[in-house]
Amino acid sequence: MAHARRTPERLSAFSDGVFAVLITVLVLELRPPELPTFDALLSLWPTGLSYAVSYLFIAIVWANHHHLMHYATDATPRLIWSNFAHLFSVSLLPLSTAWMAVSKLAPQPVAFYAAVFFLVNATYVALIWELMARIPLNKVSAGERRTMRIRSIVTLGVFAVAAAVALKFPLVGLGLCCCCLIVYLRPEAPGAAQP
């Protein structure tokens, strides 16, 4: 019996399922206040902020992943394992979000949160390299590749700085992470054509 061809579409569908589960797990961590007052609700602002940033982060990661997978022509073993590494790193987000929220944005949990962002971005870079190595220059220009590479390296550096800074100034570290998210709001590199 012949094995079914491993297609990038199946890999994308599986990944979409993982992202959906991660958002569900993130939502399940939300707990209402014990008292029925707006003051009690407002006192949960660290949880709300943690959830909002994480939800936005997962949405941005999904949009970028979805965009990147359009370049895949075959689900090679290296692509599959690069994708699993990326999904593993994203799966750490609910844990880091919950720890940061219950600690009320304490330095070490925020630093860990930023380190998870670094890991997610590092595995995304590996995914980019795996896919771009197989694509001819006429599909993705040298300029687009360079822009993707520079954006990746700069944001990796900022996430690393955010993790270090968060140990002393947690809100600044979290702010640096949010700045990096802005860079990825548009999945394609600036000036790039849609795949």
Foldseek 3Di string as FASTA:
>chain_A
DDDDFAFLVVLLVVLVVLLVVLLVLLVVLDDAFPDPDVVSVVVQVLLVVLSVVLVLVSVLLNVLVVQLSVLDGGCDPQLSVLSVQLSVLNSCSSVLSSVCRVVSQALQSLLVNLVSVLSNLVSVVSNNVVSVVPDDCVQPPPVQVVQVVVLSVVLSVLSNVLSVVSNPVRVVSVVSNVVNSVCSPPNGGPPDDRD
